[in-house]
Amino acid sequence: MDFPDSVVLQVWNRAGGHCECTRTTHGHLGRCNQSLVWSYRGREVAGGWEAHHIVSVEVSGKDVLSNCDILCI
């Protein structure tokens, strides 16, 4: 499922327009913090990003603020 637009906007504001990724398997230590561009959602370009579930929907994750991260593409 996709996150409602209202949730994506709240998460974007929480992230301050930066990638929230903290996954060590993605080649960085701590938070990625790459600058993102609001209008580049879903685009595979510098500044591109997408809203991702922290806990997958298949494992009872929900489309809510606390289960959403903004991640660079």
PDB file of N, CA and C in Angstrom:
ATOM      1  N   MET A   1       0.838  -1.182   0.000  1.00  0.00           N
ATOM      2  CA  MET A   1       0.000   0.000   0.000  1.00  0.00           C
ATOM      3  C   MET A   1       0.881   1.242   0.000  1.00  0.00           C
ATOM      4  N   ASP A   2       0.334   2.303  -0.484  1.00  0.00           N
ATOM      5  CA  ASP A   2       1.027   3.581  -0.488  1.00  0.00           C
ATOM      6  C   ASP A   2       0.611   4.405   0.722  1.00  0.00           C
ATOM      7  N   PHE A   3       1.517   5.256   1.149  1.00  0.00           N
ATOM      8  CA  PHE A   3       1.208   6.157   2.250  1.00  0.00           C
ATOM      9  C   PHE A   3       0.275   7.263   1.765  1.00  0.00           C
ATOM     10  N   PRO A   4      -0.667   7.673   2.605  1.00  0.00           N
ATOM     11  CA  PRO A   4      -1.495   8.833   2.252  1.00  0.00           C
ATOM     12  C   PRO A   4      -0.603  10.066   2.097  1.00  0.00           C
ATOM     13  N   ASP A   5      -0.996  10.973   1.219  1.00  0.00           N
ATOM     14  CA  ASP A   5      -0.222  12.201   0.995  1.00  0.00           C
ATOM     15  C   ASP A   5       0.025  12.966   2.286  1.00  0.00           C
ATOM     16  N   SER A   6      -0.946  12.957   3.183  1.00  0.00           N
ATOM     17  CA  SER A   6      -0.792  13.689   4.447  1.00  0.00           C
ATOM     18  C   SER A   6       0.349  13.110   5.285  1.00  0.00           C
ATOM     19  N   VAL A   7       0.516  11.789   5.261  1.00  0.00           N
ATOM     20  CA  VAL A   7       1.598  11.141   6.006  1.00  0.00           C
ATOM     21  C   VAL A   7       2.933  11.462   5.344  1.00  0.00           C
ATOM     22  N   VAL A   8       2.997  11.387   4.017  1.00  0.00           N
ATOM     23  CA  VAL A   8       4.243  11.685   3.309  1.00  0.00           C
ATOM     24  C   VAL A   8       4.700  13.106   3.608  1.00  0.00           C
ATOM     25  N   LEU A   9       3.787  14.049   3.619  1.00  0.00           N
ATOM     26  CA  LEU A   9       4.151  15.442   3.915  1.00  0.00           C
ATOM     27  C   LEU A   9       4.682  15.574   5.343  1.00  0.00           C
ATOM     28  N   GLN A  10       4.062  14.910   6.295  1.00  0.00           N
ATOM     29  CA  GLN A  10       4.538  14.956   7.682  1.00  0.00           C
ATOM     30  C   GLN A  10       5.941  14.357   7.804  1.00  0.00           C
ATOM     31  N   VAL A  11       6.173  13.244   7.120  1.00  0.00           N
ATOM     32  CA  VAL A  11       7.483  12.591   7.180  1.00  0.00           C
ATOM     33  C   VAL A  11       8.532  13.462   6.489  1.00  0.00           C
ATOM     34  N   TRP A  12       8.170  14.046   5.348  1.00  0.00           N
ATOM     35  CA  TRP A  12       9.081  14.952   4.639  1.00  0.00           C
ATOM     36  C   TRP A  12       9.505  16.106   5.566  1.00  0.00           C
ATOM     37  N   ASN A  13       8.550  16.689   6.256  1.00  0.00           N
ATOM     38  CA  ASN A  13       8.851  17.788   7.179  1.00  0.00           C
ATOM     39  C   ASN A  13       9.730  17.315   8.334  1.00  0.00           C
ATOM     40  N   ARG A  14       9.448  16.131   8.850  1.00  0.00           N
ATOM     41  CA  ARG A  14      10.278  15.564   9.924  1.00  0.00           C
ATOM     42  C   ARG A  14      11.713  15.373   9.437  1.00  0.00           C
ATOM     43  N   ALA A  15      11.859  14.903   8.202  1.00  0.00           N
ATOM     44  CA  ALA A  15      13.183  14.621   7.636  1.00  0.00           C
ATOM     45  C   ALA A  15      13.920  15.890   7.226  1.00  0.00           C
ATOM     46  N   GLY A  16      13.202  16.984   7.122  1.00  0.00           N
ATOM     47  CA  GLY A  16      13.826  18.238   6.724  1.00  0.00           C
ATOM     48  C   GLY A  16      14.365  18.214   5.303  1.00  0.00           C
ATOM     49  N   GLY A  17      13.753  17.390   4.444  1.00  0.00           N
ATOM     50  CA  GLY A  17      14.190  17.306   3.056  1.00  0.00           C
ATOM     51  C   GLY A  17      15.486  16.540   2.859  1.00  0.00           C
ATOM     52  N   HIS A  18      15.795  15.652   3.826  1.00  0.00           N
ATOM     53  CA  HIS A  18      17.019  14.853   3.757  1.00  0.00           C
ATOM     54  C   HIS A  18      16.695  13.378   3.953  1.00  0.00           C
ATOM     55  N   CYS A  19      17.531  12.521   3.374  1.00  0.00           N
ATOM     56  CA  CYS A  19      17.365  11.071   3.508  1.00  0.00           C
ATOM     57  C   CYS A  19      17.508  10.656   4.967  1.00  0.00           C
ATOM     58  N   GLU A  20      16.581   9.815   5.419  1.00  0.00           N
ATOM     59  CA  GLU A  20      16.597   9.341   6.809  1.00  0.00           C
ATOM     60  C   GLU A  20      17.259   7.976   6.971  1.00  0.00           C
ATOM     61  N   CYS A  21      17.821   7.434   5.909  1.00  0.00           N
ATOM     62  CA  CYS A  21      18.383   6.083   5.948  1.00  0.00           C
ATOM     63  C   CYS A  21      19.495   5.960   6.991  1.00  0.00           C
ATOM     64  N   THR A  22      19.410   4.922   7.805  1.00  0.00           N
ATOM     65  CA  THR A  22      20.461   4.603   8.766  1.00  0.00           C
ATOM     66  C   THR A  22      20.949   3.169   8.569  1.00  0.00           C
ATOM     67  N   ARG A  23      20.646   2.592   7.427  1.00  0.00           N
ATOM     68  CA  ARG A  23      21.027   1.209   7.149  1.00  0.00           C
ATOM     69  C   ARG A  23      22.522   1.121   6.832  1.00  0.00           C
ATOM     70  N   THR A  24      23.260   0.396   7.644  1.00  0.00           N
ATOM     71  CA  THR A  24      24.702   0.277   7.451  1.00  0.00           C
ATOM     72  C   THR A  24      25.046  -0.440   6.149  1.00  0.00           C
ATOM     73  N   THR A  25      24.141  -1.216   5.608  1.00  0.00           N
ATOM     74  CA  THR A  25      24.377  -1.926   4.353  1.00  0.00           C
ATOM     75  C   THR A  25      24.323  -0.999   3.144  1.00  0.00           C
ATOM     76  N   HIS A  26      23.993   0.268   3.358  1.00  0.00           N
ATOM     77  CA  HIS A  26      23.896   1.218   2.248  1.00  0.00           C
ATOM     78  C   HIS A  26      25.141   2.088   2.112  1.00  0.00           C
ATOM     79  N   GLY A  27      26.211   1.726   2.787  1.00  0.00           N
ATOM     80  CA  GLY A  27      27.491   2.390   2.577  1.00  0.00           C
ATOM     81  C   GLY A  27      27.717   3.682   3.326  1.00  0.00           C
ATOM     82  N   HIS A  28      26.989   3.912   4.390  1.00  0.00           N
ATOM     83  CA  HIS A  28      27.233   5.103   5.201  1.00  0.00           C
ATOM     84  C   HIS A  28      27.086   4.752   6.665  1.00  0.00           C
ATOM     85  N   LEU A  29      27.700   5.550   7.519  1.00  0.00           N
ATOM     86  CA  LEU A  29      27.574   5.370   8.960  1.00  0.00           C
ATOM     87  C   LEU A  29      26.613   6.419   9.481  1.00  0.00           C
ATOM     88  N   GLY A  30      25.715   6.028  10.347  1.00  0.00           N
ATOM     89  CA  GLY A  30      24.716   6.969  10.842  1.00  0.00           C
ATOM     90  C   GLY A  30      23.690   7.269   9.759  1.00  0.00           C
ATOM     91  N   ARG A  31      23.111   8.446   9.844  1.00  0.00           N
ATOM     92  CA  ARG A  31      22.067   8.849   8.897  1.00  0.00           C
ATOM     93  C   ARG A  31      22.685   9.304   7.571  1.00  0.00           C
ATOM     94  N   CYS A  32      22.114   8.890   6.459  1.00  0.00           N
ATOM     95  CA  CYS A  32      22.586   9.263   5.126  1.00  0.00           C
ATOM     96  C   CYS A  32      22.587  10.786   4.971  1.00  0.00           C
ATOM     97  N   ASN A  33      21.452  11.400   5.206  1.00  0.00           N
ATOM     98  CA  ASN A  33      21.302  12.857   5.229  1.00  0.00           C
ATOM     99  C   ASN A  33      21.485  13.547   3.873  1.00  0.00           C
ATOM    100  N   GLN A  34      21.423  12.783   2.780  1.00  0.00           N
ATOM    101  CA  GLN A  34      21.526  13.394   1.448  1.00  0.00           C
ATOM    102  C   GLN A  34      20.369  14.361   1.237  1.00  0.00           C
ATOM    103  N   SER A  35      20.646  15.513   0.627  1.00  0.00           N
ATOM    104  CA  SER A  35      19.602  16.491   0.314  1.00  0.00           C
ATOM    105  C   SER A  35      18.696  15.946  -0.778  1.00  0.00           C
ATOM    106  N   LEU A  36      17.403  16.132  -0.599  1.00  0.00           N
ATOM    107  CA  LEU A  36      16.405  15.637  -1.540  1.00  0.00           C
ATOM    108  C   LEU A  36      15.563  16.789  -2.067  1.00  0.00           C
ATOM    109  N   VAL A  37      14.873  16.535  -3.172  1.00  0.00           N
ATOM    110  CA  VAL A  37      14.032  17.553  -3.802  1.00  0.00           C
ATOM    111  C   VAL A  37      12.592  17.043  -3.802  1.00  0.00           C
ATOM    112  N   TRP A  38      11.677  17.803  -3.205  1.00  0.00           N
ATOM    113  CA  TRP A  38      10.277  17.389  -3.072  1.00  0.00           C
ATOM    114  C   TRP A  38       9.694  16.888  -4.396  1.00  0.00           C
ATOM    115  N   SER A  39       9.919  17.617  -5.460  1.00  0.00           N
ATOM    116  CA  SER A  39       9.312  17.269  -6.752  1.00  0.00           C
ATOM    117  C   SER A  39       9.982  16.076  -7.433  1.00  0.00           C
ATOM    118  N   TYR A  40      11.044  15.542  -6.831  1.00  0.00           N
ATOM    119  CA  TYR A  40      11.750  14.396  -7.421  1.00  0.00           C
ATOM    120  C   TYR A  40      11.310  13.062  -6.811  1.00  0.00           C
ATOM    121  N   ARG A  41      10.191  13.024  -6.163  1.00  0.00           N
ATOM    122  CA  ARG A  41       9.711  11.767  -5.581  1.00  0.00           C
ATOM    123  C   ARG A  41       9.542  10.717  -6.675  1.00  0.00           C
ATOM    124  N   GLY A  42      10.136   9.544  -6.452  1.00  0.00           N
ATOM    125  CA  GLY A  42      10.025   8.430  -7.382  1.00  0.00           C
ATOM    126  C   GLY A  42      10.954   8.520  -8.582  1.00  0.00           C
ATOM    127  N   ARG A  43      11.775   9.552  -8.653  1.00  0.00           N
ATOM    128  CA  ARG A  43      12.669   9.733  -9.796  1.00  0.00           C
ATOM    129  C   ARG A  43      14.075   9.246  -9.465  1.00  0.00           C
ATOM    130  N   GLU A  44      14.695   8.560 -10.411  1.00  0.00           N
ATOM    131  CA  GLU A  44      16.049   8.043 -10.229  1.00  0.00           C
ATOM    132  C   GLU A  44      17.068   9.064 -10.717  1.00  0.00           C
ATOM    133  N   VAL A  45      17.142  10.171  -9.988  1.00  0.00           N
ATOM    134  CA  VAL A  45      18.076  11.265 -10.264  1.00  0.00           C
ATOM    135  C   VAL A  45      18.648  11.728  -8.925  1.00  0.00           C
ATOM    136  N   ALA A  46      19.707  12.529  -8.988  1.00  0.00           N
ATOM    137  CA  ALA A  46      20.229  13.109  -7.751  1.00  0.00           C
ATOM    138  C   ALA A  46      19.105  13.907  -7.093  1.00  0.00           C
ATOM    139  N   GLY A  47      18.886  13.663  -5.824  1.00  0.00           N
ATOM    140  CA  GLY A  47      17.801  14.327  -5.107  1.00  0.00           C
ATOM    141  C   GLY A  47      16.496  13.561  -5.151  1.00  0.00           C
ATOM    142  N   GLY A  48      16.479  12.424  -5.872  1.00  0.00           N
ATOM    143  CA  GLY A  48      15.284  11.586  -5.947  1.00  0.00           C
ATOM    144  C   GLY A  48      15.070  10.827  -4.649  1.00  0.00           C
ATOM    145  N   TRP A  49      13.826  10.534  -4.344  1.00  0.00           N
ATOM    146  CA  TRP A  49      13.502   9.895  -3.074  1.00  0.00           C
ATOM    147  C   TRP A  49      12.176   9.156  -3.169  1.00  0.00           C
ATOM    148  N   GLU A  50      11.904   8.358  -2.118  1.00  0.00           N
ATOM    149  CA  GLU A  50      10.616   7.695  -1.988  1.00  0.00           C
ATOM    150  C   GLU A  50      10.338   7.453  -0.507  1.00  0.00           C
ATOM    151  N   ALA A  51       9.065   7.369  -0.184  1.00  0.00           N
ATOM    152  CA  ALA A  51       8.632   7.035   1.177  1.00  0.00           C
ATOM    153  C   ALA A  51       8.596   5.512   1.289  1.00  0.00           C
ATOM    154  N   HIS A  52       9.249   4.968   2.317  1.00  0.00           N
ATOM    155  CA  HIS A  52       9.339   3.516   2.501  1.00  0.00           C
ATOM    156  C   HIS A  52       8.825   3.115   3.876  1.00  0.00           C
ATOM    157  N   HIS A  53       8.261   1.916   3.924  1.00  0.00           N
ATOM    158  CA  HIS A  53       7.839   1.346   5.207  1.00  0.00           C
ATOM    159  C   HIS A  53       9.064   0.908   6.001  1.00  0.00           C
ATOM    160  N   ILE A  54       9.058   1.160   7.285  1.00  0.00           N
ATOM    161  CA  ILE A  54      10.102   0.671   8.179  1.00  0.00           C
ATOM    162  C   ILE A  54       9.845  -0.805   8.452  1.00  0.00           C
ATOM    163  N   VAL A  55       8.620  -1.141   8.781  1.00  0.00           N
ATOM    164  CA  VAL A  55       8.177  -2.528   8.943  1.00  0.00           C
ATOM    165  C   VAL A  55       7.239  -2.800   7.783  1.00  0.00           C
ATOM    166  N   SER A  56       7.522  -3.830   7.009  1.00  0.00           N
ATOM    167  CA  SER A  56       6.732  -4.084   5.812  1.00  0.00           C
ATOM    168  C   SER A  56       5.268  -4.356   6.149  1.00  0.00           C
ATOM    169  N   VAL A  57       4.406  -4.016   5.208  1.00  0.00           N
ATOM    170  CA  VAL A  57       2.968  -4.227   5.371  1.00  0.00           C
ATOM    171  C   VAL A  57       2.685  -5.708   5.587  1.00  0.00           C
ATOM    172  N   GLU A  58       3.464  -6.571   4.927  1.00  0.00           N
ATOM    173  CA  GLU A  58       3.269  -8.016   5.073  1.00  0.00           C
ATOM    174  C   GLU A  58       3.557  -8.497   6.495  1.00  0.00           C
ATOM    175  N   VAL A  59       4.324  -7.723   7.256  1.00  0.00           N
ATOM    176  CA  VAL A  59       4.657  -8.082   8.639  1.00  0.00           C
ATOM    177  C   VAL A  59       3.907  -7.159   9.588  1.00  0.00           C
ATOM    178  N   SER A  60       2.721  -6.797   9.213  1.00  0.00           N
ATOM    179  CA  SER A  60       1.798  -5.977  10.002  1.00  0.00           C
ATOM    180  C   SER A  60       2.201  -4.512  10.119  1.00  0.00           C
ATOM    181  N   GLY A  61       3.040  -4.027   9.213  1.00  0.00           N
ATOM    182  CA  GLY A  61       3.350  -2.604   9.192  1.00  0.00           C
ATOM    183  C   GLY A  61       2.157  -1.826   8.679  1.00  0.00           C
ATOM    184  N   LYS A  62       2.032  -0.594   9.098  1.00  0.00           N
ATOM    185  CA  LYS A  62       0.894   0.225   8.692  1.00  0.00           C
ATOM    186  C   LYS A  62       1.379   1.466   7.952  1.00  0.00           C
ATOM    187  N   ASP A  63       0.467   2.108   7.244  1.00  0.00           N
ATOM    188  CA  ASP A  63       0.767   3.312   6.477  1.00  0.00           C
ATOM    189  C   ASP A  63       0.620   4.551   7.357  1.00  0.00           C
ATOM    190  N   VAL A  64       1.455   4.618   8.404  1.00  0.00           N
ATOM    191  CA  VAL A  64       1.384   5.703   9.375  1.00  0.00           C
ATOM    192  C   VAL A  64       2.752   6.369   9.526  1.00  0.00           C
ATOM    193  N   LEU A  65       2.755   7.554  10.106  1.00  0.00           N
ATOM    194  CA  LEU A  65       3.964   8.346  10.290  1.00  0.00           C
ATOM    195  C   LEU A  65       5.091   7.555  10.954  1.00  0.00           C
ATOM    196  N   SER A  66       4.798   6.853  12.013  1.00  0.00           N
ATOM    197  CA  SER A  66       5.832   6.141  12.769  1.00  0.00           C
ATOM    198  C   SER A  66       6.405   4.948  12.017  1.00  0.00           C
ATOM    199  N   ASN A  67       5.794   4.565  10.895  1.00  0.00           N
ATOM    200  CA  ASN A  67       6.283   3.432  10.111  1.00  0.00           C
ATOM    201  C   ASN A  67       6.805   3.877   8.749  1.00  0.00           C
ATOM    202  N   CYS A  68       7.195   5.131   8.629  1.00  0.00           N
ATOM    203  CA  CYS A  68       7.604   5.665   7.336  1.00  0.00           C
ATOM    204  C   CYS A  68       8.961   6.364   7.432  1.00  0.00           C
ATOM    205  N   ASP A  69       9.815   6.103   6.446  1.00  0.00           N
ATOM    206  CA  ASP A  69      11.097   6.789   6.296  1.00  0.00           C
ATOM    207  C   ASP A  69      11.141   7.395   4.900  1.00  0.00           C
ATOM    208  N   ILE A  70      11.809   8.525   4.768  1.00  0.00           N
ATOM    209  CA  ILE A  70      12.110   9.124   3.468  1.00  0.00           C
ATOM    210  C   ILE A  70      13.522   8.667   3.115  1.00  0.00           C
ATOM    211  N   LEU A  71      13.644   7.957   1.983  1.00  0.00           N
ATOM    212  CA  LEU A  71      14.941   7.419   1.576  1.00  0.00           C
ATOM    213  C   LEU A  71      15.297   7.900   0.175  1.00  0.00           C
ATOM    214  N   CYS A  72      16.587   8.210  -0.018  1.00  0.00           N
ATOM    215  CA  CYS A  72      17.051   8.594  -1.358  1.00  0.00           C
ATOM    216  C   CYS A  72      17.033   7.363  -2.259  1.00  0.00           C
ATOM    217  N   ILE A  73      16.960   7.650  -3.549  1.00  0.00           N
ATOM    218  CA  ILE A  73      16.944   6.551  -4.533  1.00  0.00           C
ATOM    219  C   ILE A  73      18.363   6.299  -4.983  1.00  0.00           C
TER     220      ILE A  73
END
